[in-house]
C-alpha atoms as a PDB file:
ATOM      1  CA  MET A   1      11.830  -1.665 -13.232  1.00  0.00           C
ATOM      2  CA  ALA A   2      13.554  -5.049 -12.956  1.00  0.00           C
ATOM      3  CA  PHE A   3      13.598  -4.777  -9.158  1.00  0.00           C
ATOM      4  CA  THR A   4      10.052  -3.447  -8.720  1.00  0.00           C
ATOM      5  CA  ASP A   5       8.489  -5.823 -11.279  1.00  0.00           C
ATOM      6  CA  LEU A   6       8.907  -8.857  -9.009  1.00  0.00           C
ATOM      7  CA  LEU A   7       7.415  -6.961  -6.065  1.00  0.00           C
ATOM      8  CA  CYS A   8       4.428  -5.804  -8.148  1.00  0.00           C
ATOM      9  CA  ARG A   9       3.740  -9.359  -9.292  1.00  0.00           C
ATOM     10  CA  ALA A  10       3.937 -10.668  -5.739  1.00  0.00           C
ATOM     11  CA  LEU A  11       1.548  -8.024  -4.369  1.00  0.00           C
ATOM     12  CA  GLN A  12      -1.004  -8.777  -7.101  1.00  0.00           C
ATOM     13  CA  GLN A  13      -1.317 -12.461  -6.209  1.00  0.00           C
ATOM     14  CA  LYS A  14      -4.688 -13.474  -4.801  1.00  0.00           C
ATOM     15  CA  SER A  15      -3.163 -15.874  -2.289  1.00  0.00           C
ATOM     16  CA  GLN A  16      -0.687 -13.675  -0.472  1.00  0.00           C
ATOM     17  CA  ASP A  17       2.000 -14.681   2.017  1.00  0.00           C
ATOM     18  CA  ILE A  18       2.315 -11.416   3.924  1.00  0.00           C
ATOM     19  CA  LEU A  19       5.653 -12.240   5.547  1.00  0.00           C
ATOM     20  CA  HIS A  20       7.285 -13.158   2.235  1.00  0.00           C
ATOM     21  CA  ALA A  21       5.779 -10.095   0.564  1.00  0.00           C
ATOM     22  CA  MET A  22       7.115  -7.788   3.284  1.00  0.00           C
ATOM     23  CA  ASP A  23      10.559  -9.433   3.067  1.00  0.00           C
ATOM     24  CA  LEU A  24      10.494  -8.849  -0.671  1.00  0.00           C
ATOM     25  CA  LEU A  25       9.506  -5.221  -0.085  1.00  0.00           C
ATOM     26  CA  VAL A  26      12.470  -4.645   2.244  1.00  0.00           C
ATOM     27  CA  ASP A  27      14.837  -6.361  -0.209  1.00  0.00           C
ATOM     28  CA  THR A  28      13.486  -4.258  -3.088  1.00  0.00           C
ATOM     29  CA  LYS A  29      14.032  -1.018  -1.158  1.00  0.00           C
ATOM     30  CA  SER A  30      17.590  -2.091  -0.285  1.00  0.00           C
ATOM     31  CA  SER A  31      18.351  -3.048  -3.888  1.00  0.00           C
ATOM     32  CA  ILE A  32      17.112   0.294  -5.217  1.00  0.00           C
ATOM     33  CA  GLN A  33      19.132   2.136  -2.570  1.00  0.00           C
ATOM     34  CA  ASP A  34      22.283   0.161  -3.517  1.00  0.00           C
ATOM     35  CA  LEU A  35      21.629   0.902  -7.187  1.00  0.00           C
ATOM     36  CA  ARG A  36      21.277   4.603  -6.379  1.00  0.00           C
ATOM     37  CA  ASP A  37      24.504   4.704  -4.363  1.00  0.00           C
ATOM     38  CA  GLU A  38      26.752   2.426  -6.397  1.00  0.00           C
ATOM     39  CA  GLY A  39      25.036   1.475  -9.642  1.00  0.00           C
ATOM     40  CA  TRP A  40      25.670   4.515 -11.827  1.00  0.00           C
ATOM     41  CA  LYS A  41      29.012   3.424 -13.298  1.00  0.00           C
ATOM     42  CA  ASP A  42      27.770  -0.060 -14.274  1.00  0.00           C
ATOM     43  CA  LEU A  43      24.638   1.408 -15.825  1.00  0.00           C
ATOM     44  CA  LEU A  44      26.623   3.979 -17.771  1.00  0.00           C
ATOM     45  CA  ASP A  45      28.973   1.287 -19.090  1.00  0.00           C
ATOM     46  CA  LYS A  46      26.015  -0.814 -20.251  1.00  0.00           C
ATOM     47  CA  VAL A  47      24.383   2.159 -21.973  1.00  0.00           C
ATOM     48  CA  LEU A  48      27.621   3.163 -23.724  1.00  0.00           C
ATOM     49  CA  SER A  49      28.212  -0.441 -24.815  1.00  0.00           C
ATOM     50  CA  PHE A  50      24.671  -0.650 -26.222  1.00  0.00           C
ATOM     51  CA  CYS A  51      25.040   2.648 -28.080  1.00  0.00           C
ATOM     52  CA  ASN A  52      28.384   1.677 -29.591  1.00  0.00           C
ATOM     53  CA  LYS A  53      27.057  -1.722 -30.640  1.00  0.00           C
ATOM     54  CA  HIS A  54      24.075  -0.220 -32.478  1.00  0.00           C
ATOM     55  CA  GLY A  55      25.839   2.819 -33.898  1.00  0.00           C
ATOM     56  CA  THR A  56      24.001   5.305 -31.690  1.00  0.00           C
ATOM     57  CA  LEU A  57      25.601   8.699 -31.218  1.00  0.00           C
ATOM     58  CA  VAL A  58      27.059   9.042 -27.706  1.00  0.00           C
ATOM     59  CA  PRO A  59      27.417  12.556 -26.283  1.00  0.00           C
ATOM     60  CA  ASP A  60      30.688  13.622 -24.699  1.00  0.00           C
ATOM     61  CA  MET A  61      29.976  13.019 -21.011  1.00  0.00           C
ATOM     62  CA  GLN A  62      32.612  15.564 -19.956  1.00  0.00           C
ATOM     63  CA  ALA A  63      31.170  18.341 -22.126  1.00  0.00           C
ATOM     64  CA  SER A  64      29.162  21.132 -20.557  1.00  0.00           C
ATOM     65  CA  TYR A  65      25.433  20.704 -20.275  1.00  0.00           C
ATOM     66  CA  SER A  66      23.068  23.626 -20.292  1.00  0.00           C
ATOM     67  CA  ASP A  67      19.434  24.391 -20.959  1.00  0.00           C
ATOM     68  CA  SER A  68      17.434  27.598 -20.992  1.00  0.00           C
ATOM     69  CA  ILE A  69      15.959  27.086 -17.510  1.00  0.00           C
ATOM     70  CA  ARG A  70      19.226  26.164 -15.843  1.00  0.00           C
ATOM     71  CA  SER A  71      21.066  28.987 -17.587  1.00  0.00           C
ATOM     72  CA  ARG A  72      18.697  31.533 -16.088  1.00  0.00           C
ATOM     73  CA  ARG A  73      18.850  30.039 -12.591  1.00  0.00           C
ATOM     74  CA  ASN A  74      22.469  28.991 -12.268  1.00  0.00           C
ATOM     75  CA  LYS A  75      25.527  30.410 -13.941  1.00  0.00           C
ATOM     76  CA  ASP A  76      27.706  27.401 -13.005  1.00  0.00           C
ATOM     77  CA  ASN A  77      28.276  24.956 -15.840  1.00  0.00           C
ATOM     78  CA  ILE A  78      27.761  21.251 -15.224  1.00  0.00           C
ATOM     79  CA  SER A  79      28.921  18.296 -17.260  1.00  0.00           C
ATOM     80  CA  MET A  80      26.706  15.965 -19.279  1.00  0.00           C
ATOM     81  CA  GLU A  81      27.559  13.132 -16.912  1.00  0.00           C
ATOM     82  CA  HIS A  82      26.517  15.210 -13.890  1.00  0.00           C
ATOM     83  CA  HIS A  83      23.181  15.987 -15.542  1.00  0.00           C
ATOM     84  CA  TYR A  84      22.363  12.375 -16.381  1.00  0.00           C
ATOM     85  CA  LYS A  85      23.635  11.046 -13.061  1.00  0.00           C
ATOM     86  CA  ILE A  86      22.098  13.597 -10.683  1.00  0.00           C
ATOM     87  CA  ASP A  87      19.159  15.112 -12.558  1.00  0.00           C
ATOM     88  CA  VAL A  88      17.976  11.889 -14.221  1.00  0.00           C
ATOM     89  CA  PHE A  89      19.358   8.726 -12.596  1.00  0.00           C
ATOM     90  CA  THR A  90      19.469   9.774  -8.930  1.00  0.00           C
ATOM     91  CA  THR A  91      16.177  11.634  -9.171  1.00  0.00           C
ATOM     92  CA  THR A  92      14.461   8.561 -10.623  1.00  0.00           C
ATOM     93  CA  MET A  93      15.817   6.310  -7.864  1.00  0.00           C
ATOM     94  CA  ASP A  94      14.695   8.804  -5.202  1.00  0.00           C
ATOM     95  CA  GLN A  95      11.203   8.903  -6.686  1.00  0.00           C
ATOM     96  CA  GLN A  96      10.991   5.111  -6.606  1.00  0.00           C
ATOM     97  CA  LEU A  97      12.080   4.978  -2.961  1.00  0.00           C
ATOM     98  CA  GLN A  98       9.740   7.801  -1.997  1.00  0.00           C
ATOM     99  CA  GLU A  99       6.818   6.037  -3.669  1.00  0.00           C
ATOM    100  CA  LEU A 100       7.540   2.751  -1.865  1.00  0.00           C
ATOM    101  CA  ASN A 101       8.031   4.515   1.479  1.00  0.00           C
ATOM    102  CA  SER A 102       4.791   6.465   1.119  1.00  0.00           C
ATOM    103  CA  ARG A 103       2.722   3.416   0.185  1.00  0.00           C
ATOM    104  CA  PHE A 104       4.456   1.012   2.564  1.00  0.00           C
ATOM    105  CA  SER A 105       5.659   3.000   5.544  1.00  0.00           C
ATOM    106  CA  GLU A 106       7.366   1.316   8.475  1.00  0.00           C
ATOM    107  CA  LYS A 107       4.121   1.445  10.448  1.00  0.00           C
ATOM    108  CA  ILE A 108       2.084  -0.198   7.670  1.00  0.00           C
ATOM    109  CA  THR A 109       4.769  -2.847   7.104  1.00  0.00           C
ATOM    110  CA  LYS A 110       4.794  -3.747  10.803  1.00  0.00           C
ATOM    111  CA  LEU A 111       1.002  -3.903  10.790  1.00  0.00           C
ATOM    112  CA  PHE A 112       1.052  -6.415   7.921  1.00  0.00           C
ATOM    113  CA  VAL A 113       3.742  -8.539   9.580  1.00  0.00           C
ATOM    114  CA  LEU A 114       1.939  -8.668  12.914  1.00  0.00           C
ATOM    115  CA  SER A 115      -1.416  -9.448  11.277  1.00  0.00           C
ATOM    116  CA  ALA A 116       0.187 -12.439   9.531  1.00  0.00           C
ATOM    117  CA  SER A 117       0.498 -14.064  12.967  1.00  0.00           C
ATOM    118  CA  LEU A 118      -3.213 -14.955  12.761  1.00  0.00           C
ATOM    119  CA  ASN A 119      -3.048 -16.447   9.271  1.00  0.00           C
ATOM    120  CA  PRO A 120      -3.974 -20.162   9.436  1.00  0.00           C
ATOM    121  CA  ASN A 121      -2.091 -20.977   6.215  1.00  0.00           C
ATOM    122  CA  LYS A 122       0.308 -23.961   6.352  1.00  0.00           C
ATOM    123  CA  GLY A 123      -0.881 -25.240   9.679  1.00  0.00           C
ATOM    124  CA  TYR A 124      -0.713 -21.928  11.575  1.00  0.00           C
ATOM    125  CA  LYS A 125       3.086 -21.839  11.225  1.00  0.00           C
ATOM    126  CA  ASN A 126       3.138 -18.033  11.781  1.00  0.00           C
ATOM    127  CA  PHE A 127       0.837 -18.124  14.806  1.00  0.00           C
ATOM    128  CA  ASN A 128       2.409 -16.044  17.584  1.00  0.00           C
ATOM    129  CA  VAL A 129       0.525 -15.008  20.710  1.00  0.00           C
ATOM    130  CA  ASP A 130       2.932 -12.186  21.605  1.00  0.00           C
ATOM    131  CA  ASN A 131       2.683 -10.634  18.133  1.00  0.00           C
ATOM    132  CA  ILE A 132      -1.108 -10.828  18.128  1.00  0.00           C
ATOM    133  CA  CYS A 133      -1.340  -9.201  21.573  1.00  0.00           C
ATOM    134  CA  ARG A 134       1.119  -6.509  20.475  1.00  0.00           C
ATOM    135  CA  LEU A 135      -1.036  -5.893  17.398  1.00  0.00           C
ATOM    136  CA  ALA A 136      -4.154  -5.480  19.547  1.00  0.00           C
ATOM    137  CA  GLU A 137      -2.402  -3.158  21.974  1.00  0.00           C
ATOM    138  CA  LYS A 138      -0.722  -0.924  19.404  1.00  0.00           C
ATOM    139  CA  TYR A 139      -3.185  -0.725  16.514  1.00  0.00           C
ATOM    140  CA  TYR A 140      -6.631  -1.537  17.954  1.00  0.00           C
ATOM    141  CA  PRO A 141      -6.862   0.092  21.434  1.00  0.00           C
ATOM    142  CA  PRO A 142     -10.364   1.558  20.786  1.00  0.00           C
ATOM    143  CA  ASP A 143     -11.692  -1.912  19.866  1.00  0.00           C
ATOM    144  CA  VAL A 144      -9.854  -4.024  22.449  1.00  0.00           C
ATOM    145  CA  SER A 145      -9.829  -2.607  25.981  1.00  0.00           C
ATOM    146  CA  LYS A 146      -7.068  -3.199  28.527  1.00  0.00           C
ATOM    147  CA  ASP A 147      -9.184  -5.829  30.259  1.00  0.00           C
ATOM    148  CA  ASP A 148      -9.908  -7.549  26.934  1.00  0.00           C
ATOM    149  CA  GLN A 149      -6.206  -7.500  26.047  1.00  0.00           C
ATOM    150  CA  PHE A 150      -5.445  -9.350  29.278  1.00  0.00           C
ATOM    151  CA  HIS A 151      -8.003 -12.092  28.561  1.00  0.00           C
ATOM    152  CA  LEU A 152      -7.132 -12.213  24.855  1.00  0.00           C
ATOM    153  CA  ARG A 153      -3.711 -13.703  25.583  1.00  0.00           C
ATOM    154  CA  TYR A 154      -5.188 -16.683  27.432  1.00  0.00           C
ATOM    155  CA  GLN A 155      -7.934 -17.189  24.871  1.00  0.00           C
ATOM    156  CA  LEU A 156      -5.291 -17.274  22.124  1.00  0.00           C
ATOM    157  CA  GLN A 157      -3.302 -19.959  23.942  1.00  0.00           C
ATOM    158  CA  LEU A 158      -6.397 -22.138  24.348  1.00  0.00           C
ATOM    159  CA  PHE A 159      -7.471 -21.340  20.788  1.00  0.00           C
ATOM    160  CA  TYR A 160      -4.171 -22.603  19.376  1.00  0.00           C
ATOM    161  CA  ARG A 161      -4.557 -25.912  21.231  1.00  0.00           C
ATOM    162  CA  CYS A 162      -8.091 -26.187  19.876  1.00  0.00           C
ATOM    163  CA  VAL A 163      -7.195 -25.673  16.204  1.00  0.00           C
ATOM    164  CA  SER A 164      -4.437 -28.278  16.479  1.00  0.00           C
ATOM    165  CA  ASN A 165      -7.011 -30.918  17.414  1.00  0.00           C
ATOM    166  CA  HIS A 166      -9.961 -29.809  15.281  1.00  0.00           C
ATOM    167  CA  ASP A 167     -10.057 -31.289  11.761  1.00  0.00           C
ATOM    168  CA  GLU A 168     -12.263 -28.550  10.294  1.00  0.00           C
ATOM    169  CA  MET A 169      -9.763 -25.864  11.314  1.00  0.00           C
ATOM    170  CA  LYS A 170      -6.492 -27.539  10.307  1.00  0.00           C
ATOM    171  CA  ASN A 171      -6.396 -26.943   6.549  1.00  0.00           C
ATOM    172  CA  LEU A 172      -7.582 -23.343   6.278  1.00  0.00           C
ATOM    173  CA  SER A 173      -5.684 -20.970   3.997  1.00  0.00           C
ATOM    174  CA  SER A 174      -6.782 -17.445   4.936  1.00  0.00           C
ATOM    175  CA  ILE A 175      -8.021 -15.337   7.827  1.00  0.00           C
ATOM    176  CA  THR A 176     -11.384 -15.046   6.056  1.00  0.00           C
ATOM    177  CA  ASP A 177     -11.734 -18.847   6.006  1.00  0.00           C
ATOM    178  CA  LEU A 178     -10.821 -18.963   9.691  1.00  0.00           C
ATOM    179  CA  CYS A 179     -13.426 -16.330  10.582  1.00  0.00           C
ATOM    180  CA  ARG A 180     -16.158 -18.137   8.640  1.00  0.00           C
ATOM    181  CA  THR A 181     -15.277 -21.577  10.054  1.00  0.00           C
ATOM    182  CA  LEU A 182     -15.302 -20.321  13.658  1.00  0.00           C
ATOM    183  CA  ALA A 183     -18.836 -19.008  13.125  1.00  0.00           C
ATOM    184  CA  GLU A 184     -20.025 -22.183  11.377  1.00  0.00           C
ATOM    185  CA  ILE A 185     -18.822 -24.628  14.052  1.00  0.00           C
ATOM    186  CA  GLY A 186     -19.834 -22.406  16.976  1.00  0.00           C
ATOM    187  CA  LYS A 187     -16.311 -21.715  18.256  1.00  0.00           C
ATOM    188  CA  SER A 188     -16.930 -17.969  17.903  1.00  0.00           C
ATOM    189  CA  ASN A 189     -18.944 -18.178  21.138  1.00  0.00           C
ATOM    190  CA  VAL A 190     -16.203 -20.140  22.912  1.00  0.00           C
ATOM    191  CA  TYR A 191     -13.447 -17.674  21.966  1.00  0.00           C
ATOM    192  CA  PRO A 192     -15.343 -14.377  21.562  1.00  0.00           C
ATOM    193  CA  LEU A 193     -12.290 -12.092  21.890  1.00  0.00           C
ATOM    194  CA  VAL A 194     -10.300 -14.105  19.365  1.00  0.00           C
ATOM    195  CA  TYR A 195     -13.251 -14.122  16.977  1.00  0.00           C
ATOM    196  CA  ARG A 196     -13.790 -10.371  17.345  1.00  0.00           C
ATOM    197  CA  PHE A 197     -10.113  -9.678  16.695  1.00  0.00           C
ATOM    198  CA  ILE A 198     -10.047 -11.960  13.644  1.00  0.00           C
ATOM    199  CA  ARG A 199     -12.990 -10.003  12.251  1.00  0.00           C
ATOM    200  CA  LEU A 200     -11.037  -6.762  12.749  1.00  0.00           C
ATOM    201  CA  ILE A 201      -7.994  -8.190  10.982  1.00  0.00           C
ATOM    202  CA  SER A 202     -10.100  -9.522   8.108  1.00  0.00           C
ATOM    203  CA  THR A 203     -11.092  -5.940   7.207  1.00  0.00           C
ATOM    204  CA  LEU A 204      -7.433  -4.946   6.725  1.00  0.00           C
ATOM    205  CA  PRO A 205      -7.206  -5.987   3.032  1.00  0.00           C
ATOM    206  CA  VAL A 206     -10.362  -3.968   2.316  1.00  0.00           C
ATOM    207  CA  SER A 207      -8.978  -0.826   3.927  1.00  0.00           C
ATOM    208  CA  THR A 208      -5.612  -1.118   2.185  1.00  0.00           C
ATOM    209  CA  THR A 209      -7.280  -1.765  -1.164  1.00  0.00           C
ATOM    210  CA  THR A 210      -9.342   1.398  -0.745  1.00  0.00           C
ATOM    211  CA  SER A 211      -6.150   3.336   0.009  1.00  0.00           C
ATOM    212  CA  GLU A 212      -4.481   1.963  -3.118  1.00  0.00           C
ATOM    213  CA  ARG A 213      -7.493   2.970  -5.197  1.00  0.00           C
ATOM    214  CA  ALA A 214      -7.363   6.455  -3.667  1.00  0.00           C
ATOM    215  CA  PHE A 215      -3.676   6.829  -4.589  1.00  0.00           C
ATOM    216  CA  SER A 216      -4.433   5.826  -8.175  1.00  0.00           C
ATOM    217  CA  ALA A 217      -7.412   8.164  -8.361  1.00  0.00           C
ATOM    218  CA  MET A 218      -5.344  11.081  -7.056  1.00  0.00           C
ATOM    219  CA  LYS A 219      -3.154  11.071 -10.163  1.00  0.00           C
ATOM    220  CA  ILE A 220      -6.230  11.248 -12.395  1.00  0.00           C
ATOM    221  CA  VAL A 221      -8.431  13.603 -10.391  1.00  0.00           C
ATOM    222  CA  LYS A 222      -5.953  16.193  -9.135  1.00  0.00           C
ATOM    223  CA  THR A 223      -4.462  17.410 -12.389  1.00  0.00           C
ATOM    224  CA  SER A 224      -2.525  20.630 -12.872  1.00  0.00           C
ATOM    225  CA  LEU A 225      -5.791  22.383 -13.805  1.00  0.00           C
ATOM    226  CA  ARG A 226      -7.322  21.299 -10.473  1.00  0.00           C
ATOM    227  CA  ASN A 227      -4.254  21.988  -8.367  1.00  0.00           C
ATOM    228  CA  LYS A 228      -6.018  24.685  -6.279  1.00  0.00           C
ATOM    229  CA  MET A 229      -9.008  22.509  -5.458  1.00  0.00           C
ATOM    230  CA  GLU A 230      -9.927  22.708  -1.749  1.00  0.00           C
ATOM    231  CA  ASP A 231      -9.607  19.577   0.408  1.00  0.00           C
ATOM    232  CA  ASP A 232     -13.340  19.155   1.096  1.00  0.00           C
ATOM    233  CA  PHE A 233     -14.296  19.387  -2.537  1.00  0.00           C
ATOM    234  CA  LEU A 234     -11.402  17.116  -3.537  1.00  0.00           C
ATOM    235  CA  SER A 235     -12.438  14.496  -0.964  1.00  0.00           C
ATOM    236  CA  GLU A 236     -16.031  14.488  -2.222  1.00  0.00           C
ATOM    237  CA  TYR A 237     -14.805  14.299  -5.823  1.00  0.00           C
ATOM    238  CA  TRP A 238     -12.670  11.267  -4.924  1.00  0.00           C
ATOM    239  CA  ILE A 239     -15.605   9.450  -3.363  1.00  0.00           C
ATOM    240  CA  ILE A 240     -17.638   9.897  -6.535  1.00  0.00           C
ATOM    241  CA  TYR A 241     -14.734   8.784  -8.713  1.00  0.00           C
ATOM    242  CA  ILE A 242     -13.723   5.750  -6.613  1.00  0.00           C
ATOM    243  CA  GLU A 243     -17.187   4.449  -5.688  1.00  0.00           C
ATOM    244  CA  LYS A 244     -18.523   4.376  -9.229  1.00  0.00           C
ATOM    245  CA  ASP A 245     -20.821   1.421  -8.526  1.00  0.00           C
ATOM    246  CA  ILE A 246     -22.678   3.490  -5.944  1.00  0.00           C
ATOM    247  CA  THR A 247     -22.763   6.779  -7.849  1.00  0.00           C
ATOM    248  CA  GLU A 248     -24.172   5.094 -10.955  1.00  0.00           C
ATOM    249  CA  LYS A 249     -27.387   4.543  -8.971  1.00  0.00           C
ATOM    250  CA  PHE A 250     -27.880   8.289  -8.496  1.00  0.00           C
ATOM    251  CA  THR A 251     -30.384   9.983 -10.787  1.00  0.00           C
ATOM    252  CA  ILE A 252     -30.489  13.599 -11.917  1.00  0.00           C
ATOM    253  CA  ASP A 253     -33.830  14.073 -10.128  1.00  0.00           C
ATOM    254  CA  SER A 254     -32.452  12.806  -6.785  1.00  0.00           C
ATOM    255  CA  ILE A 255     -29.453  15.143  -7.070  1.00  0.00           C
ATOM    256  CA  ILE A 256     -31.741  18.123  -7.824  1.00  0.00           C
ATOM    257  CA  ASP A 257     -34.000  17.240  -4.862  1.00  0.00           C
ATOM    258  CA  ASP A 258     -31.013  17.056  -2.484  1.00  0.00           C
ATOM    259  CA  PHE A 259     -29.693  20.348  -3.804  1.00  0.00           C
ATOM    260  CA  ASN A 260     -33.058  22.044  -3.319  1.00  0.00           C
ATOM    261  CA  SER A 261     -33.434  20.644   0.214  1.00  0.00           C
ATOM    262  CA  MET A 262     -30.190  22.246   1.419  1.00  0.00           C
ATOM    263  CA  LYS A 263     -31.734  25.706   1.663  1.00  0.00           C
ATOM    264  CA  THR A 264     -34.462  27.880   0.271  1.00  0.00           C
ATOM    265  CA  ARG A 265     -33.634  29.239  -3.165  1.00  0.00           C
ATOM    266  CA  ARG A 266     -35.191  31.924  -5.294  1.00  0.00           C
ATOM    267  CA  VAL A 267     -35.423  29.615  -8.297  1.00  0.00           C
ATOM    268  CA  GLN A 268     -36.331  25.968  -7.860  1.00  0.00           C
ATOM    269  CA  PHE A 269     -34.889  23.427 -10.241  1.00  0.00           C
ATOM    270  CA  GLY A 270     -37.361  21.106 -11.830  1.00  0.00           C
END
């Protein structure tokens, strides 16, 4: 928790430095992995010291550990230390790493890092034409054709010279501000490919936020009682749960009318 707390706080900030956040993510993963591989002995010593200091009963770590489930499945005896180290400590560390890897895969991390190349914060210090072109080629091929990718590189080079000499574009802090300013001062027509690509990048926080909300909803919606729910029904259930602002506008009468319009029924609801 001490390692992940700093990462959670950083990711919740409204003004986000993507590069620093991704560096912190990599460092957090490495720290948890080091703790998993080499941190058991130090943790055990701290726990034993705490228990002895407060008069808490400490089990014999070399004694045999058994429970009813393990006894039925495995006749081999294991020690108390093995149980707490493998079944509790290592399992917890693996769950933490799996959660971070699933939410922030290598592909998603690279996407965030490359998208930071368009961030105008701190005088466009992260601006990198090669990274932006690589981002367009790898992640947005349906939106940016091969011909557009060729011209995008030259528009980006001219665009960077422009922002360095334009007062209204020097002190921007986010991609959203950059997109809005380009439209306001008419530069969106001068650099149409750059403007289109900035608009694509500006939707990235929205899409990732929706994904995060979906992950949170999954734990609530798909309980053990709903474990056999089919994918189509589960997907529709998620939409209703996540988009509560939209579903609150539905009325019982509109739902009944839609249900009746699907096909002819012997009994009509009214």
